[in-house]
All heavy atoms as atom14 arrays in JSON, in Angstrom:
{
  "sequence": "AGVAAGKIDALIQPAQCPWDWFAGLPLVEEAGG",
  "atom14_mask": [
    [1, 1, 1, 1, 1, 0, 0, 0, 0, 0, 0, 0, 0, 0],
    [1, 1, 1, 1, 0, 0, 0, 0, 0, 0, 0, 0, 0, 0],
    [1, 1, 1, 1, 1, 1, 1, 0, 0, 0, 0, 0, 0, 0],
    [1, 1, 1, 1, 1, 0, 0, 0, 0, 0, 0, 0, 0, 0],
    [1, 1, 1, 1, 1, 0, 0, 0, 0, 0, 0, 0, 0, 0],
    [1, 1, 1, 1, 0, 0, 0, 0, 0, 0, 0, 0, 0, 0],
    [1, 1, 1, 1, 1, 1, 1, 1, 1, 0, 0, 0, 0, 0],
    [1, 1, 1, 1, 1, 1, 1, 1, 0, 0, 0, 0, 0, 0],
    [1, 1, 1, 1, 1, 1, 1, 1, 0, 0, 0, 0, 0, 0],
    [1, 1, 1, 1, 1, 0, 0, 0, 0, 0, 0, 0, 0, 0],
    [1, 1, 1, 1, 1, 1, 1, 1, 0, 0, 0, 0, 0, 0],
    [1, 1, 1, 1, 1, 1, 1, 1, 0, 0, 0, 0, 0, 0],
    [1, 1, 1, 1, 1, 1, 1, 1, 1, 0, 0, 0, 0, 0],
    [1, 1, 1, 1, 1, 1, 1, 0, 0, 0, 0, 0, 0, 0],
    [1, 1, 1, 1, 1, 0, 0, 0, 0, 0, 0, 0, 0, 0],
    [1, 1, 1, 1, 1, 1, 1, 1, 1, 0, 0, 0, 0, 0],
    [1, 1, 1, 1, 1, 1, 0, 0, 0, 0, 0, 0, 0, 0],
    [1, 1, 1, 1, 1, 1, 1, 0, 0, 0, 0, 0, 0, 0],
    [1, 1, 1, 1, 1, 1, 1, 1, 1, 1, 1, 1, 1, 1],
    [1, 1, 1, 1, 1, 1, 1, 1, 0, 0, 0, 0, 0, 0],
    [1, 1, 1, 1, 1, 1, 1, 1, 1, 1, 1, 1, 1, 1],
    [1, 1, 1, 1, 1, 1, 1, 1, 1, 1, 1, 0, 0, 0],
    [1, 1, 1, 1, 1, 0, 0, 0, 0, 0, 0, 0, 0, 0],
    [1, 1, 1, 1, 0, 0, 0, 0, 0, 0, 0, 0, 0, 0],
    [1, 1, 1, 1, 1, 1, 1, 1, 0, 0, 0, 0, 0, 0],
    [1, 1, 1, 1, 1, 1, 1, 0, 0, 0, 0, 0, 0, 0],
    [1, 1, 1, 1, 1, 1, 1, 1, 0, 0, 0, 0, 0, 0],
    [1, 1, 1, 1, 1, 1, 1, 0, 0, 0, 0, 0, 0, 0],
    [1, 1, 1, 1, 1, 1, 1, 1, 1, 0, 0, 0, 0, 0],
    [1, 1, 1, 1, 1, 1, 1, 1, 1, 0, 0, 0, 0, 0],
    [1, 1, 1, 1, 1, 0, 0, 0, 0, 0, 0, 0, 0, 0],
    [1, 1, 1, 1, 0, 0, 0, 0, 0, 0, 0, 0, 0, 0],
    [1, 1, 1, 1, 0, 0, 0, 0, 0, 0, 0, 0, 0, 0]
  ],
  "atom14_positions": [
    [[71.03, -85.24, 24.2], [72.48, -85.39, 24.37], [72.78, -86.0, 25.73], [73.66, -86.86, 25.85], [73.17, -84.04, 24.22], [0.0, 0.0, 0.0], [0.0, 0.0, 0.0], [0.0, 0.0, 0.0], [0.0, 0.0, 0.0], [0.0, 0.0, 0.0], [0.0, 0.0, 0.0], [0.0, 0.0, 0.0], [0.0, 0.0, 0.0], [0.0, 0.0, 0.0]],
    [[72.05, -85.59, 26.77], [72.23, -86.16, 28.1], [71.9, -87.64, 28.15], [72.59, -88.42, 28.82], [0.0, 0.0, 0.0], [0.0, 0.0, 0.0], [0.0, 0.0, 0.0], [0.0, 0.0, 0.0], [0.0, 0.0, 0.0], [0.0, 0.0, 0.0], [0.0, 0.0, 0.0], [0.0, 0.0, 0.0], [0.0, 0.0, 0.0], [0.0, 0.0, 0.0]],
    [[70.87, -88.05, 27.44], [70.53, -89.47, 27.35], [71.64, -90.23, 26.64], [72.12, -91.26, 27.12], [69.17, -89.7, 26.65], [68.94, -91.17, 26.34], [68.02, -89.16, 27.49], [0.0, 0.0, 0.0], [0.0, 0.0, 0.0], [0.0, 0.0, 0.0], [0.0, 0.0, 0.0], [0.0, 0.0, 0.0], [0.0, 0.0, 0.0], [0.0, 0.0, 0.0]],
    [[72.07, -89.73, 25.48], [73.12, -90.4, 24.7], [74.43, -90.49, 25.48], [75.16, -91.47, 25.36], [73.35, -89.68, 23.37], [0.0, 0.0, 0.0], [0.0, 0.0, 0.0], [0.0, 0.0, 0.0], [0.0, 0.0, 0.0], [0.0, 0.0, 0.0], [0.0, 0.0, 0.0], [0.0, 0.0, 0.0], [0.0, 0.0, 0.0], [0.0, 0.0, 0.0]],
    [[74.71, -89.49, 26.31], [75.95, -89.47, 27.09], [75.86, -90.29, 28.37], [76.85, -90.45, 29.07], [76.31, -88.02, 27.44], [0.0, 0.0, 0.0], [0.0, 0.0, 0.0], [0.0, 0.0, 0.0], [0.0, 0.0, 0.0], [0.0, 0.0, 0.0], [0.0, 0.0, 0.0], [0.0, 0.0, 0.0], [0.0, 0.0, 0.0], [0.0, 0.0, 0.0]],
    [[74.66, -90.83, 28.66], [74.49, -91.63, 29.86], [74.3, -90.81, 31.13], [74.38, -91.33, 32.23], [0.0, 0.0, 0.0], [0.0, 0.0, 0.0], [0.0, 0.0, 0.0], [0.0, 0.0, 0.0], [0.0, 0.0, 0.0], [0.0, 0.0, 0.0], [0.0, 0.0, 0.0], [0.0, 0.0, 0.0], [0.0, 0.0, 0.0], [0.0, 0.0, 0.0]],
    [[74.03, -89.52, 30.98], [73.82, -88.64, 32.13], [72.38, -88.65, 32.62], [72.11, -88.32, 33.77], [74.21, -87.19, 31.78], [75.62, -87.04, 31.26], [76.61, -87.3, 32.36], [78.03, -87.06, 31.86], [79.01, -87.5, 32.84], [0.0, 0.0, 0.0], [0.0, 0.0, 0.0], [0.0, 0.0, 0.0], [0.0, 0.0, 0.0], [0.0, 0.0, 0.0]],
    [[71.46, -88.94, 31.72], [70.03, -88.98, 32.01], [69.53, -90.36, 31.59], [69.9, -90.84, 30.52], [69.27, -87.89, 31.22], [69.8, -86.5, 31.55], [67.78, -87.98, 31.48], [69.27, -85.41, 30.63], [0.0, 0.0, 0.0], [0.0, 0.0, 0.0], [0.0, 0.0, 0.0], [0.0, 0.0, 0.0], [0.0, 0.0, 0.0], [0.0, 0.0, 0.0]],
    [[68.71, -91.0, 32.4], [68.22, -92.34, 32.06], [67.05, -92.29, 31.07], [66.89, -93.21, 30.26], [67.81, -93.09, 33.33], [68.99, -93.28, 34.25], [69.96, -93.93, 33.82], [68.97, -92.76, 35.39], [0.0, 0.0, 0.0], [0.0, 0.0, 0.0], [0.0, 0.0, 0.0], [0.0, 0.0, 0.0], [0.0, 0.0, 0.0], [0.0, 0.0, 0.0]],
    [[66.24, -91.24, 31.14], [65.12, -91.11, 30.2], [64.74, -89.64, 30.07], [64.91, -88.85, 31.0], [63.92, -91.91, 30.66], [0.0, 0.0, 0.0], [0.0, 0.0, 0.0], [0.0, 0.0, 0.0], [0.0, 0.0, 0.0], [0.0, 0.0, 0.0], [0.0, 0.0, 0.0], [0.0, 0.0, 0.0], [0.0, 0.0, 0.0], [0.0, 0.0, 0.0]],
    [[64.23, -89.3, 28.89], [63.72, -87.96, 28.59], [62.31, -88.12, 28.05], [62.09, -88.89, 27.11], [64.61, -87.27, 27.55], [64.1, -85.93, 27.02], [64.07, -84.87, 28.12], [64.95, -85.47, 25.84], [0.0, 0.0, 0.0], [0.0, 0.0, 0.0], [0.0, 0.0, 0.0], [0.0, 0.0, 0.0], [0.0, 0.0, 0.0], [0.0, 0.0, 0.0]],
    [[61.39, -87.38, 28.62], [59.99, -87.4, 28.17], [59.68, -86.03, 27.58], [59.8, -85.01, 28.27], [59.05, -87.69, 29.35], [59.39, -89.06, 29.95], [57.59, -87.61, 28.91], [58.93, -89.24, 31.37], [0.0, 0.0, 0.0], [0.0, 0.0, 0.0], [0.0, 0.0, 0.0], [0.0, 0.0, 0.0], [0.0, 0.0, 0.0], [0.0, 0.0, 0.0]],
    [[59.33, -86.02, 26.31], [59.02, -84.77, 25.63], [57.62, -84.83, 25.05], [57.29, -85.76, 24.32], [60.01, -84.52, 24.48], [61.34, -84.0, 24.92], [61.3, -82.51, 25.28], [60.27, -81.86, 25.31], [62.45, -81.99, 25.59], [0.0, 0.0, 0.0], [0.0, 0.0, 0.0], [0.0, 0.0, 0.0], [0.0, 0.0, 0.0], [0.0, 0.0, 0.0]],
    [[56.78, -83.85, 25.36], [55.49, -83.76, 24.67], [55.73, -83.33, 23.22], [56.88, -83.21, 22.8], [54.75, -82.69, 25.47], [55.81, -81.88, 26.09], [56.99, -82.79, 26.31], [0.0, 0.0, 0.0], [0.0, 0.0, 0.0], [0.0, 0.0, 0.0], [0.0, 0.0, 0.0], [0.0, 0.0, 0.0], [0.0, 0.0, 0.0], [0.0, 0.0, 0.0]],
    [[54.7, -83.1, 22.48], [54.81, -82.81, 21.05], [55.86, -81.75, 20.76], [55.87, -80.68, 21.36], [53.46, -82.4, 20.49], [0.0, 0.0, 0.0], [0.0, 0.0, 0.0], [0.0, 0.0, 0.0], [0.0, 0.0, 0.0], [0.0, 0.0, 0.0], [0.0, 0.0, 0.0], [0.0, 0.0, 0.0], [0.0, 0.0, 0.0], [0.0, 0.0, 0.0]],
    [[56.76, -82.08, 19.85], [57.86, -81.22, 19.45], [57.87, -81.04, 17.94], [57.26, -81.81, 17.21], [59.2, -81.85, 19.86], [59.36, -82.06, 21.35], [59.48, -80.75, 22.09], [60.43, -80.02, 21.92], [58.5, -80.45, 22.93], [0.0, 0.0, 0.0], [0.0, 0.0, 0.0], [0.0, 0.0, 0.0], [0.0, 0.0, 0.0], [0.0, 0.0, 0.0]],
    [[58.6, -80.04, 17.48], [58.85, -79.87, 16.05], [60.04, -80.76, 15.68], [60.85, -81.11, 16.53], [59.16, -78.42, 15.74], [57.73, -77.33, 15.95], [0.0, 0.0, 0.0], [0.0, 0.0, 0.0], [0.0, 0.0, 0.0], [0.0, 0.0, 0.0], [0.0, 0.0, 0.0], [0.0, 0.0, 0.0], [0.0, 0.0, 0.0], [0.0, 0.0, 0.0]],
    [[60.15, -81.14, 14.41], [61.22, -82.08, 14.04], [62.63, -81.57, 14.33], [63.5, -82.36, 14.67], [61.01, -82.31, 12.54], [60.09, -81.25, 12.08], [59.32, -80.78, 13.26], [0.0, 0.0, 0.0], [0.0, 0.0, 0.0], [0.0, 0.0, 0.0], [0.0, 0.0, 0.0], [0.0, 0.0, 0.0], [0.0, 0.0, 0.0], [0.0, 0.0, 0.0]],
    [[62.86, -80.27, 14.24], [64.21, -79.78, 14.5], [64.6, -79.92, 15.97], [65.76, -79.87, 16.31], [64.38, -78.34, 14.03], [63.33, -77.4, 14.54], [63.27, -76.81, 15.78], [62.18, -76.98, 13.83], [62.15, -76.03, 15.87], [61.45, -76.11, 14.68], [61.67, -77.23, 12.55], [60.26, -75.5, 14.3], [60.49, -76.62, 12.19], [59.8, -75.78, 13.05]],
    [[63.62, -80.14, 16.84], [63.93, -80.33, 18.26], [64.55, -81.71, 18.53], [65.33, -81.85, 19.46], [62.65, -80.19, 19.1], [62.11, -78.78, 19.09], [62.91, -77.84, 19.24], [60.88, -78.61, 18.95], [0.0, 0.0, 0.0], [0.0, 0.0, 0.0], [0.0, 0.0, 0.0], [0.0, 0.0, 0.0], [0.0, 0.0, 0.0], [0.0, 0.0, 0.0]],
    [[64.16, -82.71, 17.75], [64.61, -84.08, 18.03], [65.43, -84.73, 16.93], [66.09, -85.74, 17.16], [63.41, -84.99, 18.36], [62.31, -84.99, 17.33], [61.16, -84.26, 17.38], [62.23, -85.75, 16.13], [60.39, -84.51, 16.27], [61.01, -85.42, 15.49], [63.08, -86.67, 15.51], [60.62, -85.99, 14.28], [62.69, -87.23, 14.31], [61.47, -86.89, 13.7]],
    [[65.42, -84.18, 15.73], [66.0, -84.86, 14.57], [67.49, -85.16, 14.74], [67.95, -86.26, 14.44], [65.76, -84.04, 13.3], [66.1, -84.77, 12.05], [65.22, -85.71, 11.53], [67.28, -84.53, 11.37], [65.52, -86.39, 10.37], [67.58, -85.21, 10.21], [66.7, -86.15, 9.71], [0.0, 0.0, 0.0], [0.0, 0.0, 0.0], [0.0, 0.0, 0.0]],
    [[68.28, -84.24, 15.24], [69.72, -84.46, 15.39], [70.05, -85.37, 16.56], [71.03, -86.12, 16.52], [70.45, -83.13, 15.55], [0.0, 0.0, 0.0], [0.0, 0.0, 0.0], [0.0, 0.0, 0.0], [0.0, 0.0, 0.0], [0.0, 0.0, 0.0], [0.0, 0.0, 0.0], [0.0, 0.0, 0.0], [0.0, 0.0, 0.0], [0.0, 0.0, 0.0]],
    [[69.23, -85.35, 17.6], [69.49, -86.17, 18.78], [69.07, -87.62, 18.63], [69.62, -88.5, 19.3], [0.0, 0.0, 0.0], [0.0, 0.0, 0.0], [0.0, 0.0, 0.0], [0.0, 0.0, 0.0], [0.0, 0.0, 0.0], [0.0, 0.0, 0.0], [0.0, 0.0, 0.0], [0.0, 0.0, 0.0], [0.0, 0.0, 0.0], [0.0, 0.0, 0.0]],
    [[68.11, -87.89, 17.76], [67.61, -89.25, 17.55], [68.73, -90.24, 17.22], [68.89, -91.26, 17.9], [66.52, -89.27, 16.47], [66.05, -90.62, 15.96], [65.37, -91.41, 17.06], [65.12, -90.44, 14.77], [0.0, 0.0, 0.0], [0.0, 0.0, 0.0], [0.0, 0.0, 0.0], [0.0, 0.0, 0.0], [0.0, 0.0, 0.0], [0.0, 0.0, 0.0]],
    [[69.58, -89.98, 16.21], [70.63, -90.96, 15.91], [71.68, -91.07, 17.01], [72.27, -92.14, 17.19], [71.25, -90.45, 14.6], [70.83, -89.03, 14.47], [69.56, -88.88, 15.23], [0.0, 0.0, 0.0], [0.0, 0.0, 0.0], [0.0, 0.0, 0.0], [0.0, 0.0, 0.0], [0.0, 0.0, 0.0], [0.0, 0.0, 0.0], [0.0, 0.0, 0.0]],
    [[71.91, -90.01, 17.78], [72.85, -90.08, 18.89], [72.36, -91.08, 19.94], [73.11, -91.94, 20.41], [73.08, -88.72, 19.53], [73.87, -87.7, 18.74], [73.85, -86.35, 19.43], [75.29, -88.17, 18.51], [0.0, 0.0, 0.0], [0.0, 0.0, 0.0], [0.0, 0.0, 0.0], [0.0, 0.0, 0.0], [0.0, 0.0, 0.0], [0.0, 0.0, 0.0]],
    [[71.09, -90.95, 20.32], [70.52, -91.86, 21.32], [70.56, -93.29, 20.82], [70.98, -94.21, 21.53], [69.08, -91.44, 21.7], [68.41, -92.5, 22.56], [69.09, -90.1, 22.43], [0.0, 0.0, 0.0], [0.0, 0.0, 0.0], [0.0, 0.0, 0.0], [0.0, 0.0, 0.0], [0.0, 0.0, 0.0], [0.0, 0.0, 0.0], [0.0, 0.0, 0.0]],
    [[70.14, -93.51, 19.58], [70.12, -94.87, 19.04], [71.54, -95.44, 18.91], [71.76, -96.61, 19.24], [69.38, -94.89, 17.71], [67.89, -94.64, 17.88], [67.13, -94.56, 16.57], [67.75, -94.3, 15.51], [65.9, -94.75, 16.61], [0.0, 0.0, 0.0], [0.0, 0.0, 0.0], [0.0, 0.0, 0.0], [0.0, 0.0, 0.0], [0.0, 0.0, 0.0]],
    [[72.48, -94.65, 18.45], [73.86, -95.13, 18.3], [74.5, -95.44, 19.65], [75.35, -96.3, 19.75], [74.7, -94.09, 17.54], [76.1, -94.52, 17.23], [76.21, -95.72, 16.29], [75.29, -95.97, 15.48], [77.24, -96.42, 16.37], [0.0, 0.0, 0.0], [0.0, 0.0, 0.0], [0.0, 0.0, 0.0], [0.0, 0.0, 0.0], [0.0, 0.0, 0.0]],
    [[74.04, -94.76, 20.7], [74.57, -94.99, 22.05], [73.85, -96.14, 22.76], [74.11, -96.39, 23.93], [74.48, -93.71, 22.87], [0.0, 0.0, 0.0], [0.0, 0.0, 0.0], [0.0, 0.0, 0.0], [0.0, 0.0, 0.0], [0.0, 0.0, 0.0], [0.0, 0.0, 0.0], [0.0, 0.0, 0.0], [0.0, 0.0, 0.0], [0.0, 0.0, 0.0]],
    [[72.97, -96.84, 22.05], [72.29, -98.0, 22.63], [70.93, -97.73, 23.21], [70.34, -98.59, 23.87], [0.0, 0.0, 0.0], [0.0, 0.0, 0.0], [0.0, 0.0, 0.0], [0.0, 0.0, 0.0], [0.0, 0.0, 0.0], [0.0, 0.0, 0.0], [0.0, 0.0, 0.0], [0.0, 0.0, 0.0], [0.0, 0.0, 0.0], [0.0, 0.0, 0.0]],
    [[70.39, -96.55, 22.97], [69.09, -96.19, 23.53], [67.95, -96.4, 22.55], [68.14, -96.83, 21.41], [0.0, 0.0, 0.0], [0.0, 0.0, 0.0], [0.0, 0.0, 0.0], [0.0, 0.0, 0.0], [0.0, 0.0, 0.0], [0.0, 0.0, 0.0], [0.0, 0.0, 0.0], [0.0, 0.0, 0.0], [0.0, 0.0, 0.0], [0.0, 0.0, 0.0]]
  ]
}
């Protein structure tokens, strides 16, 4: 959410479960990331 909102320039995440990233993925992409 911080990346999509322009508050964070990059987020590095080691291996995650799908529920950790699934909802945020389209937000980042829709915001130009």
